[in-house]
């Protein structure tokens, strides 16, 4: 797939990745206006392949019969699942909702049945650690207003062929909540992401709206969701973020985004980091918590 050599696709600003992660003033203006920005060719294809290969090794070591845990933004079946709640300082696997047939067997290979892997590869696994920490990422985060950036979680997103599930419109700050809000998403395309295989969509400028939910708040050992605003997302304004492998999509924690189903024969692997400001308050009732043996680290 080849994107046009322009500075925008629809209303999502698109730029070639700046040398050393040094954002220009026009890039910052475009990001602040849209709440999202694409940096093409940020990661090399070789680096993308290293992550895909390492993910494949980890998947081969995973036994799905031991844990049939499902991640879904539509049904939220995992709300009482300790496997999910306690994954903030581990590497765990989450299967697609449609991974199993009526008899409880996988419909397709283990590798093509996973929704995601998370949430601490960036600290635990050497290959993901190397990719996730760099002076370039640190400069990006600081240029975007994060005074003391730390990585709170990582996710490897499989979006498998034929059964890759829809992700409904949401804001990441509802899950990664700080006071004041500071969450920024770094989403790396490890394969080409197209409409056909379930690319992301954004509502440019939607980050200026209210935070709708406080999701996955711990209360008495269970998770609950607090409604902060009932203002609907203007999904008619959504724009597809079709990007080539190696592209980095950066977006504000309030930026409404979603992704479609993947019914194509091609996967859509991606890797994402959520960065917050260490100077902000991180509530003790956030679902994602880290044990004392794995303290938060910066981007360098």
C-alpha atoms as a PDB file:
ATOM      1  CA  UNK A   1       0.000   0.000   0.000  1.00  0.00           C
ATOM      2  CA  UNK A   2       1.273   3.496  -0.795  1.00  0.00           C
ATOM      3  CA  UNK A   3      -0.110   6.637   0.804  1.00  0.00           C
ATOM      4  CA  UNK A   4      -0.155   9.895  -1.138  1.00  0.00           C
ATOM      5  CA  UNK A   5       2.783  12.228  -0.518  1.00  0.00           C
ATOM      6  CA  UNK A   6       0.680  14.891   1.165  1.00  0.00           C
ATOM      7  CA  UNK A   7       0.492  16.267   4.679  1.00  0.00           C
ATOM      8  CA  UNK A   8      -2.962  14.888   5.367  1.00  0.00           C
ATOM      9  CA  UNK A   9      -5.164  11.944   4.636  1.00  0.00           C
ATOM     10  CA  UNK A  10      -8.677  13.234   5.101  1.00  0.00           C
ATOM     11  CA  UNK A  11      -8.361  15.421   8.169  1.00  0.00           C
ATOM     12  CA  UNK A  12      -5.711  13.375   9.936  1.00  0.00           C
ATOM     13  CA  UNK A  13      -2.322  15.162   9.683  1.00  0.00           C
ATOM     14  CA  UNK A  14       0.339  12.962   8.100  1.00  0.00           C
ATOM     15  CA  UNK A  15       4.057  13.784   8.021  1.00  0.00           C
ATOM     16  CA  UNK A  16       7.283  12.002   7.308  1.00  0.00           C
ATOM     17  CA  UNK A  17       8.946  11.095  10.599  1.00  0.00           C
ATOM     18  CA  UNK A  18      11.254  13.933  11.698  1.00  0.00           C
ATOM     19  CA  UNK A  19      14.920  13.183  12.282  1.00  0.00           C
ATOM     20  CA  UNK A  20      15.625  12.345  15.915  1.00  0.00           C
ATOM     21  CA  UNK A  21      12.000  12.813  16.924  1.00  0.00           C
ATOM     22  CA  UNK A  22      12.252  16.605  16.737  1.00  0.00           C
ATOM     23  CA  UNK A  23       8.721  17.841  15.965  1.00  0.00           C
ATOM     24  CA  UNK A  24       8.423  21.042  13.946  1.00  0.00           C
ATOM     25  CA  UNK A  25       6.035  23.826  14.887  1.00  0.00           C
ATOM     26  CA  UNK A  26       3.665  22.947  12.023  1.00  0.00           C
ATOM     27  CA  UNK A  27       3.489  19.356  13.249  1.00  0.00           C
ATOM     28  CA  UNK A  28       2.623  20.476  16.768  1.00  0.00           C
ATOM     29  CA  UNK A  29      -0.068  22.834  15.476  1.00  0.00           C
ATOM     30  CA  UNK A  30      -1.624  20.090  13.357  1.00  0.00           C
ATOM     31  CA  UNK A  31      -1.569  17.626  16.249  1.00  0.00           C
ATOM     32  CA  UNK A  32      -3.171  20.077  18.662  1.00  0.00           C
ATOM     33  CA  UNK A  33      -5.895  20.829  16.122  1.00  0.00           C
ATOM     34  CA  UNK A  34      -6.724  17.215  15.251  1.00  0.00           C
ATOM     35  CA  UNK A  35      -5.721  15.382  18.440  1.00  0.00           C
ATOM     36  CA  UNK A  36      -3.971  12.815  16.243  1.00  0.00           C
ATOM     37  CA  UNK A  37      -0.989  12.711  13.922  1.00  0.00           C
ATOM     38  CA  UNK A  38       0.700  10.120  11.694  1.00  0.00           C
ATOM     39  CA  UNK A  39       4.483   9.980  11.318  1.00  0.00           C
ATOM     40  CA  UNK A  40       5.379   7.849   8.321  1.00  0.00           C
ATOM     41  CA  UNK A  41       8.481   5.614   8.333  1.00  0.00           C
ATOM     42  CA  UNK A  42       9.134   6.183  12.019  1.00  0.00           C
ATOM     43  CA  UNK A  43      10.190   2.570  12.583  1.00  0.00           C
ATOM     44  CA  UNK A  44      12.189   0.540  10.099  1.00  0.00           C
ATOM     45  CA  UNK A  45      10.641  -2.514   8.485  1.00  0.00           C
ATOM     46  CA  UNK A  46      13.417  -4.562  10.082  1.00  0.00           C
ATOM     47  CA  UNK A  47      12.413  -3.285  13.546  1.00  0.00           C
ATOM     48  CA  UNK A  48       8.777  -4.112  12.815  1.00  0.00           C
ATOM     49  CA  UNK A  49       9.760  -7.627  11.798  1.00  0.00           C
ATOM     50  CA  UNK A  50      11.776  -8.104  15.001  1.00  0.00           C
ATOM     51  CA  UNK A  51       8.680  -7.321  17.064  1.00  0.00           C
ATOM     52  CA  UNK A  52       6.480  -9.603  14.947  1.00  0.00           C
ATOM     53  CA  UNK A  53       9.006 -12.419  15.226  1.00  0.00           C
ATOM     54  CA  UNK A  54       9.338 -11.997  18.981  1.00  0.00           C
ATOM     55  CA  UNK A  55       5.566 -11.906  19.405  1.00  0.00           C
ATOM     56  CA  UNK A  56       5.401 -15.138  17.429  1.00  0.00           C
ATOM     57  CA  UNK A  57       7.902 -16.761  19.792  1.00  0.00           C
ATOM     58  CA  UNK A  58       5.886 -15.698  22.832  1.00  0.00           C
ATOM     59  CA  UNK A  59       2.652 -16.942  21.260  1.00  0.00           C
ATOM     60  CA  UNK A  60       4.179 -20.345  20.561  1.00  0.00           C
ATOM     61  CA  UNK A  61       4.957 -20.647  24.287  1.00  0.00           C
ATOM     62  CA  UNK A  62       1.367 -19.750  25.225  1.00  0.00           C
ATOM     63  CA  UNK A  63      -1.177 -22.520  25.908  1.00  0.00           C
ATOM     64  CA  UNK A  64      -4.722 -21.222  25.204  1.00  0.00           C
ATOM     65  CA  UNK A  65      -6.311 -24.170  26.998  1.00  0.00           C
ATOM     66  CA  UNK A  66      -4.978 -22.901  30.320  1.00  0.00           C
ATOM     67  CA  UNK A  67      -6.508 -19.457  30.008  1.00  0.00           C
ATOM     68  CA  UNK A  68      -9.550 -18.829  27.793  1.00  0.00           C
ATOM     69  CA  UNK A  69      -9.603 -15.131  28.599  1.00  0.00           C
ATOM     70  CA  UNK A  70     -11.335 -12.802  26.160  1.00  0.00           C
ATOM     71  CA  UNK A  71     -10.845  -9.083  25.668  1.00  0.00           C
ATOM     72  CA  UNK A  72     -13.850  -7.256  24.237  1.00  0.00           C
ATOM     73  CA  UNK A  73     -14.758  -3.562  24.198  1.00  0.00           C
ATOM     74  CA  UNK A  74     -18.365  -4.500  23.414  1.00  0.00           C
ATOM     75  CA  UNK A  75     -19.194  -7.202  25.951  1.00  0.00           C
ATOM     76  CA  UNK A  76     -16.506  -6.602  28.621  1.00  0.00           C
ATOM     77  CA  UNK A  77     -16.509 -10.280  29.620  1.00  0.00           C
ATOM     78  CA  UNK A  78     -13.215  -9.824  31.438  1.00  0.00           C
ATOM     79  CA  UNK A  79     -14.499  -7.449  34.131  1.00  0.00           C
ATOM     80  CA  UNK A  80     -14.330 -10.127  36.826  1.00  0.00           C
ATOM     81  CA  UNK A  81     -11.326 -11.855  35.329  1.00  0.00           C
ATOM     82  CA  UNK A  82      -8.328 -11.640  37.628  1.00  0.00           C
ATOM     83  CA  UNK A  83      -6.130 -12.639  34.723  1.00  0.00           C
ATOM     84  CA  UNK A  84      -6.940  -9.281  33.122  1.00  0.00           C
ATOM     85  CA  UNK A  85      -6.905  -7.176  36.291  1.00  0.00           C
ATOM     86  CA  UNK A  86      -3.493  -8.451  37.369  1.00  0.00           C
ATOM     87  CA  UNK A  87      -1.776  -8.047  33.985  1.00  0.00           C
ATOM     88  CA  UNK A  88      -0.303  -4.584  34.587  1.00  0.00           C
ATOM     89  CA  UNK A  89       3.151  -5.930  35.402  1.00  0.00           C
ATOM     90  CA  UNK A  90       3.021  -9.163  33.371  1.00  0.00           C
ATOM     91  CA  UNK A  91       2.784 -10.448  29.811  1.00  0.00           C
ATOM     92  CA  UNK A  92      -0.585 -12.068  29.226  1.00  0.00           C
ATOM     93  CA  UNK A  93      -2.668 -13.157  26.274  1.00  0.00           C
ATOM     94  CA  UNK A  94      -6.289 -12.379  25.402  1.00  0.00           C
ATOM     95  CA  UNK A  95      -8.262 -14.314  22.820  1.00  0.00           C
ATOM     96  CA  UNK A  96     -10.809 -12.988  20.366  1.00  0.00           C
ATOM     97  CA  UNK A  97     -14.464 -13.372  21.327  1.00  0.00           C
ATOM     98  CA  UNK A  98     -15.069 -15.505  18.224  1.00  0.00           C
ATOM     99  CA  UNK A  99     -11.941 -17.594  18.616  1.00  0.00           C
ATOM    100  CA  UNK A 100     -13.809 -20.704  19.783  1.00  0.00           C
ATOM    101  CA  UNK A 101     -16.463 -22.730  18.012  1.00  0.00           C
ATOM    102  CA  UNK A 102     -19.563 -24.244  19.641  1.00  0.00           C
ATOM    103  CA  UNK A 103     -17.539 -27.189  20.962  1.00  0.00           C
ATOM    104  CA  UNK A 104     -14.947 -24.930  22.611  1.00  0.00           C
ATOM    105  CA  UNK A 105     -12.213 -25.532  20.051  1.00  0.00           C
ATOM    106  CA  UNK A 106     -10.264 -22.809  18.276  1.00  0.00           C
ATOM    107  CA  UNK A 107     -11.707 -21.949  14.872  1.00  0.00           C
ATOM    108  CA  UNK A 108      -8.257 -21.290  13.426  1.00  0.00           C
ATOM    109  CA  UNK A 109      -4.619 -21.432  14.506  1.00  0.00           C
ATOM    110  CA  UNK A 110      -3.538 -20.151  17.913  1.00  0.00           C
ATOM    111  CA  UNK A 111      -1.536 -17.409  16.207  1.00  0.00           C
ATOM    112  CA  UNK A 112      -4.672 -16.207  14.396  1.00  0.00           C
ATOM    113  CA  UNK A 113      -6.994 -16.400  17.413  1.00  0.00           C
ATOM    114  CA  UNK A 114      -5.494 -13.748  19.673  1.00  0.00           C
ATOM    115  CA  UNK A 115      -6.880 -10.258  20.227  1.00  0.00           C
ATOM    116  CA  UNK A 116      -3.893  -8.860  22.089  1.00  0.00           C
ATOM    117  CA  UNK A 117      -0.915  -9.432  24.336  1.00  0.00           C
ATOM    118  CA  UNK A 118      -0.260  -7.109  27.269  1.00  0.00           C
ATOM    119  CA  UNK A 119       0.547  -5.169  29.338  1.00  0.00           C
ATOM    120  CA  UNK A 120       4.234  -4.958  30.354  1.00  0.00           C
ATOM    121  CA  UNK A 121       6.281  -6.305  27.436  1.00  0.00           C
ATOM    122  CA  UNK A 122       8.089  -2.960  27.303  1.00  0.00           C
ATOM    123  CA  UNK A 123       9.695  -3.661  30.691  1.00  0.00           C
ATOM    124  CA  UNK A 124       9.849  -7.458  30.825  1.00  0.00           C
ATOM    125  CA  UNK A 125      10.901  -8.586  27.356  1.00  0.00           C
ATOM    126  CA  UNK A 126      14.296  -7.428  25.993  1.00  0.00           C
ATOM    127  CA  UNK A 127      13.137  -7.096  22.373  1.00  0.00           C
ATOM    128  CA  UNK A 128      10.093  -5.015  23.251  1.00  0.00           C
ATOM    129  CA  UNK A 129      12.117  -3.081  25.831  1.00  0.00           C
ATOM    130  CA  UNK A 130      14.628  -1.977  23.208  1.00  0.00           C
ATOM    131  CA  UNK A 131      11.905  -0.863  20.790  1.00  0.00           C
ATOM    132  CA  UNK A 132       9.892   0.962  23.472  1.00  0.00           C
ATOM    133  CA  UNK A 133      12.647   3.138  24.931  1.00  0.00           C
ATOM    134  CA  UNK A 134      14.509   5.693  22.858  1.00  0.00           C
ATOM    135  CA  UNK A 135      15.566   9.301  22.850  1.00  0.00           C
ATOM    136  CA  UNK A 136      13.271   9.876  19.856  1.00  0.00           C
ATOM    137  CA  UNK A 137      10.153   8.739  21.729  1.00  0.00           C
ATOM    138  CA  UNK A 138      11.197  10.760  24.771  1.00  0.00           C
ATOM    139  CA  UNK A 139      11.539  13.910  22.632  1.00  0.00           C
ATOM    140  CA  UNK A 140       8.133  13.322  21.053  1.00  0.00           C
ATOM    141  CA  UNK A 141       6.405  12.949  24.406  1.00  0.00           C
ATOM    142  CA  UNK A 142       8.069  16.026  25.892  1.00  0.00           C
ATOM    143  CA  UNK A 143       7.299  18.111  22.798  1.00  0.00           C
ATOM    144  CA  UNK A 144       3.644  17.145  23.245  1.00  0.00           C
ATOM    145  CA  UNK A 145       3.612  18.469  26.793  1.00  0.00           C
ATOM    146  CA  UNK A 146       4.500  15.448  28.931  1.00  0.00           C
ATOM    147  CA  UNK A 147       7.036  16.872  31.366  1.00  0.00           C
ATOM    148  CA  UNK A 148       8.171  13.550  32.869  1.00  0.00           C
ATOM    149  CA  UNK A 149       6.996  10.799  30.494  1.00  0.00           C
ATOM    150  CA  UNK A 150       6.729   7.201  31.687  1.00  0.00           C
ATOM    151  CA  UNK A 151       5.294   4.144  29.942  1.00  0.00           C
ATOM    152  CA  UNK A 152       2.304   2.798  31.853  1.00  0.00           C
ATOM    153  CA  UNK A 153       1.436  -0.079  29.515  1.00  0.00           C
ATOM    154  CA  UNK A 154       2.176  -1.821  26.235  1.00  0.00           C
ATOM    155  CA  UNK A 155      -0.087  -3.878  24.000  1.00  0.00           C
ATOM    156  CA  UNK A 156       0.596  -6.083  21.005  1.00  0.00           C
ATOM    157  CA  UNK A 157      -2.554  -5.994  18.868  1.00  0.00           C
ATOM    158  CA  UNK A 158      -3.061  -8.945  16.516  1.00  0.00           C
ATOM    159  CA  UNK A 159      -6.308  -8.063  14.680  1.00  0.00           C
ATOM    160  CA  UNK A 160      -6.320 -11.588  13.239  1.00  0.00           C
ATOM    161  CA  UNK A 161      -7.684 -12.472   9.815  1.00  0.00           C
ATOM    162  CA  UNK A 162     -11.374 -13.356   9.495  1.00  0.00           C
ATOM    163  CA  UNK A 163     -12.250 -12.987  13.197  1.00  0.00           C
ATOM    164  CA  UNK A 164     -10.595  -9.683  14.181  1.00  0.00           C
ATOM    165  CA  UNK A 165     -13.193  -7.907  16.288  1.00  0.00           C
ATOM    166  CA  UNK A 166     -14.520  -4.377  16.029  1.00  0.00           C
ATOM    167  CA  UNK A 167     -13.274  -1.934  18.643  1.00  0.00           C
ATOM    168  CA  UNK A 168     -16.030   0.532  19.445  1.00  0.00           C
ATOM    169  CA  UNK A 169     -15.459   4.273  19.676  1.00  0.00           C
ATOM    170  CA  UNK A 170     -13.694   5.180  22.901  1.00  0.00           C
ATOM    171  CA  UNK A 171     -11.111   7.453  24.528  1.00  0.00           C
ATOM    172  CA  UNK A 172      -7.981   5.951  26.040  1.00  0.00           C
ATOM    173  CA  UNK A 173      -8.001   8.335  29.002  1.00  0.00           C
ATOM    174  CA  UNK A 174     -11.098   6.495  30.199  1.00  0.00           C
ATOM    175  CA  UNK A 175      -8.836   3.476  30.837  1.00  0.00           C
ATOM    176  CA  UNK A 176      -5.511   5.235  31.520  1.00  0.00           C
ATOM    177  CA  UNK A 177      -6.713   8.007  33.806  1.00  0.00           C
ATOM    178  CA  UNK A 178      -4.555  10.582  35.561  1.00  0.00           C
ATOM    179  CA  UNK A 179      -5.328  13.849  37.363  1.00  0.00           C
ATOM    180  CA  UNK A 180      -4.908  16.029  35.392  1.00  0.00           C
ATOM    181  CA  UNK A 181      -5.266  13.900  32.280  1.00  0.00           C
ATOM    182  CA  UNK A 182      -1.957  13.172  30.586  1.00  0.00           C
ATOM    183  CA  UNK A 183      -2.376   9.971  28.553  1.00  0.00           C
ATOM    184  CA  UNK A 184      -0.927   9.870  25.041  1.00  0.00           C
ATOM    185  CA  UNK A 185      -1.035   6.854  22.727  1.00  0.00           C
ATOM    186  CA  UNK A 186       1.881   5.762  20.535  1.00  0.00           C
ATOM    187  CA  UNK A 187       0.529   3.207  18.015  1.00  0.00           C
ATOM    188  CA  UNK A 188       3.042   1.538  15.701  1.00  0.00           C
ATOM    189  CA  UNK A 189       1.829  -0.205  12.543  1.00  0.00           C
ATOM    190  CA  UNK A 190       3.841  -3.422  12.241  1.00  0.00           C
ATOM    191  CA  UNK A 191       1.922  -4.341   9.081  1.00  0.00           C
ATOM    192  CA  UNK A 192       0.016  -2.204   6.601  1.00  0.00           C
ATOM    193  CA  UNK A 193      -3.289  -1.124   8.174  1.00  0.00           C
ATOM    194  CA  UNK A 194      -6.147  -0.707   5.699  1.00  0.00           C
ATOM    195  CA  UNK A 195      -9.909  -0.433   5.808  1.00  0.00           C
ATOM    196  CA  UNK A 196     -10.074  -4.047   4.646  1.00  0.00           C
ATOM    197  CA  UNK A 197      -8.060  -5.466   7.561  1.00  0.00           C
ATOM    198  CA  UNK A 198      -9.470  -3.232  10.303  1.00  0.00           C
ATOM    199  CA  UNK A 199      -7.474  -0.002  10.447  1.00  0.00           C
ATOM    200  CA  UNK A 200      -8.173   2.608  13.080  1.00  0.00           C
ATOM    201  CA  UNK A 201     -10.547   5.538  12.618  1.00  0.00           C
ATOM    202  CA  UNK A 202     -10.370   8.893  14.400  1.00  0.00           C
ATOM    203  CA  UNK A 203     -12.721  11.833  14.819  1.00  0.00           C
ATOM    204  CA  UNK A 204     -10.349  14.769  14.162  1.00  0.00           C
ATOM    205  CA  UNK A 205     -10.827  17.493  16.760  1.00  0.00           C
ATOM    206  CA  UNK A 206     -12.893  15.181  18.955  1.00  0.00           C
ATOM    207  CA  UNK A 207     -10.312  15.425  21.728  1.00  0.00           C
ATOM    208  CA  UNK A 208     -11.730  18.843  22.589  1.00  0.00           C
ATOM    209  CA  UNK A 209     -14.941  17.189  23.777  1.00  0.00           C
ATOM    210  CA  UNK A 210     -15.498  15.864  27.292  1.00  0.00           C
ATOM    211  CA  UNK A 211     -14.148  12.655  28.748  1.00  0.00           C
ATOM    212  CA  UNK A 212     -17.155  10.335  28.542  1.00  0.00           C
ATOM    213  CA  UNK A 213     -16.280   7.543  30.959  1.00  0.00           C
ATOM    214  CA  UNK A 214     -14.015   6.450  33.752  1.00  0.00           C
ATOM    215  CA  UNK A 215     -13.587   2.831  32.733  1.00  0.00           C
ATOM    216  CA  UNK A 216     -12.322  -0.155  34.713  1.00  0.00           C
ATOM    217  CA  UNK A 217     -12.229   1.579  38.078  1.00  0.00           C
ATOM    218  CA  UNK A 218     -11.424  -0.858  40.879  1.00  0.00           C
ATOM    219  CA  UNK A 219     -13.980  -1.074  43.659  1.00  0.00           C
ATOM    220  CA  UNK A 220     -14.061  -3.904  46.152  1.00  0.00           C
ATOM    221  CA  UNK A 221     -12.000  -6.174  43.951  1.00  0.00           C
ATOM    222  CA  UNK A 222     -14.277  -5.697  40.943  1.00  0.00           C
ATOM    223  CA  UNK A 223     -14.302  -3.230  38.090  1.00  0.00           C
ATOM    224  CA  UNK A 224     -16.907  -0.609  37.413  1.00  0.00           C
ATOM    225  CA  UNK A 225     -17.517   2.138  34.885  1.00  0.00           C
ATOM    226  CA  UNK A 226     -18.510   5.680  35.835  1.00  0.00           C
ATOM    227  CA  UNK A 227     -20.341   7.816  33.275  1.00  0.00           C
ATOM    228  CA  UNK A 228     -18.862  11.320  33.208  1.00  0.00           C
ATOM    229  CA  UNK A 229     -20.699  12.660  30.155  1.00  0.00           C
ATOM    230  CA  UNK A 230     -23.499  11.279  27.978  1.00  0.00           C
ATOM    231  CA  UNK A 231     -22.499  13.395  24.984  1.00  0.00           C
ATOM    232  CA  UNK A 232     -22.378  11.004  21.995  1.00  0.00           C
ATOM    233  CA  UNK A 233     -19.385  10.708  19.708  1.00  0.00           C
ATOM    234  CA  UNK A 234     -19.915  12.276  16.295  1.00  0.00           C
ATOM    235  CA  UNK A 235     -19.013   9.100  14.419  1.00  0.00           C
ATOM    236  CA  UNK A 236     -20.237  10.510  11.111  1.00  0.00           C
ATOM    237  CA  UNK A 237     -17.002  12.551  11.113  1.00  0.00           C
ATOM    238  CA  UNK A 238     -14.708   9.566  11.538  1.00  0.00           C
ATOM    239  CA  UNK A 239     -11.713   9.333   9.200  1.00  0.00           C
ATOM    240  CA  UNK A 240      -9.861   6.119   8.370  1.00  0.00           C
ATOM    241  CA  UNK A 241      -6.214   6.061   9.452  1.00  0.00           C
ATOM    242  CA  UNK A 242      -4.811   3.831   6.733  1.00  0.00           C
ATOM    243  CA  UNK A 243      -1.057   3.642   7.296  1.00  0.00           C
ATOM    244  CA  UNK A 244       1.954   1.715   6.029  1.00  0.00           C
ATOM    245  CA  UNK A 245       4.015  -0.602   8.199  1.00  0.00           C
ATOM    246  CA  UNK A 246       6.538   1.454  10.162  1.00  0.00           C
ATOM    247  CA  UNK A 247       4.170   4.390  10.658  1.00  0.00           C
ATOM    248  CA  UNK A 248       3.604   5.815  14.133  1.00  0.00           C
ATOM    249  CA  UNK A 249       0.158   7.138  15.024  1.00  0.00           C
ATOM    250  CA  UNK A 250       0.243   9.528  17.986  1.00  0.00           C
ATOM    251  CA  UNK A 251      -3.011  10.545  19.633  1.00  0.00           C
ATOM    252  CA  UNK A 252      -4.335  12.414  22.620  1.00  0.00           C
ATOM    253  CA  UNK A 253      -5.922  10.395  25.412  1.00  0.00           C
ATOM    254  CA  UNK A 254      -9.252  12.114  24.748  1.00  0.00           C
ATOM    255  CA  UNK A 255      -9.146  11.509  20.986  1.00  0.00           C
ATOM    256  CA  UNK A 256     -12.174   9.376  20.031  1.00  0.00           C
ATOM    257  CA  UNK A 257     -11.086   6.406  17.954  1.00  0.00           C
ATOM    258  CA  UNK A 258     -12.239   2.966  16.902  1.00  0.00           C
ATOM    259  CA  UNK A 259     -11.390   0.184  14.473  1.00  0.00           C
ATOM    260  CA  UNK A 260     -13.445  -2.021  12.201  1.00  0.00           C
ATOM    261  CA  UNK A 261     -13.699  -5.777  12.005  1.00  0.00           C
ATOM    262  CA  UNK A 262     -11.095  -7.729  10.105  1.00  0.00           C
ATOM    263  CA  UNK A 263     -12.838 -10.193   7.820  1.00  0.00           C
ATOM    264  CA  UNK A 264      -9.984 -10.169   5.327  1.00  0.00           C
ATOM    265  CA  UNK A 265      -7.377 -12.948   4.964  1.00  0.00           C
ATOM    266  CA  UNK A 266      -4.654 -10.549   6.194  1.00  0.00           C
ATOM    267  CA  UNK A 267      -3.695  -9.777   9.789  1.00  0.00           C
ATOM    268  CA  UNK A 268      -3.136  -6.234  11.056  1.00  0.00           C
ATOM    269  CA  UNK A 269      -0.446  -6.444  13.692  1.00  0.00           C
ATOM    270  CA  UNK A 270       0.326  -3.299  15.692  1.00  0.00           C
ATOM    271  CA  UNK A 271       2.146  -2.378  18.882  1.00  0.00           C
ATOM    272  CA  UNK A 272       1.029   0.400  21.195  1.00  0.00           C
ATOM    273  CA  UNK A 273       2.410   2.240  24.186  1.00  0.00           C
ATOM    274  CA  UNK A 274       0.501   4.457  26.572  1.00  0.00           C
ATOM    275  CA  UNK A 275       2.557   7.261  28.063  1.00  0.00           C
ATOM    276  CA  UNK A 276       1.573   9.377  31.059  1.00  0.00           C
ATOM    277  CA  UNK A 277       3.205  12.177  33.037  1.00  0.00           C
ATOM    278  CA  UNK A 278       4.800  10.933  36.242  1.00  0.00           C
ATOM    279  CA  UNK A 279       4.059  14.341  37.808  1.00  0.00           C
ATOM    280  CA  UNK A 280       0.316  13.705  37.519  1.00  0.00           C
ATOM    281  CA  UNK A 281      -1.661  11.768  40.106  1.00  0.00           C
ATOM    282  CA  UNK A 282      -2.312   8.143  39.130  1.00  0.00           C
ATOM    283  CA  UNK A 283      -5.313   6.980  41.205  1.00  0.00           C
ATOM    284  CA  UNK A 284      -5.040   3.807  43.256  1.00  0.00           C
ATOM    285  CA  UNK A 285      -8.392   2.643  41.886  1.00  0.00           C
ATOM    286  CA  UNK A 286      -7.192   2.551  38.259  1.00  0.00           C
ATOM    287  CA  UNK A 287      -7.477  -1.023  36.989  1.00  0.00           C
ATOM    288  CA  UNK A 288      -3.881  -1.124  35.775  1.00  0.00           C
ATOM    289  CA  UNK A 289      -1.477  -1.231  38.690  1.00  0.00           C
ATOM    290  CA  UNK A 290       2.178  -2.131  38.945  1.00  0.00           C
ATOM    291  CA  UNK A 291       3.825  -4.059  41.738  1.00  0.00           C
ATOM    292  CA  UNK A 292       6.767  -2.525  43.623  1.00  0.00           C
ATOM    293  CA  UNK A 293       9.179  -4.910  41.908  1.00  0.00           C
ATOM    294  CA  UNK A 294       8.443  -3.282  38.531  1.00  0.00           C
ATOM    295  CA  UNK A 295       8.420   0.506  38.978  1.00  0.00           C
ATOM    296  CA  UNK A 296       7.472   2.818  36.121  1.00  0.00           C
ATOM    297  CA  UNK A 297      10.270   3.799  33.758  1.00  0.00           C
ATOM    298  CA  UNK A 298      10.750   6.683  31.407  1.00  0.00           C
ATOM    299  CA  UNK A 299      11.204   6.478  27.649  1.00  0.00           C
ATOM    300  CA  UNK A 300      15.007   6.583  27.840  1.00  0.00           C
END
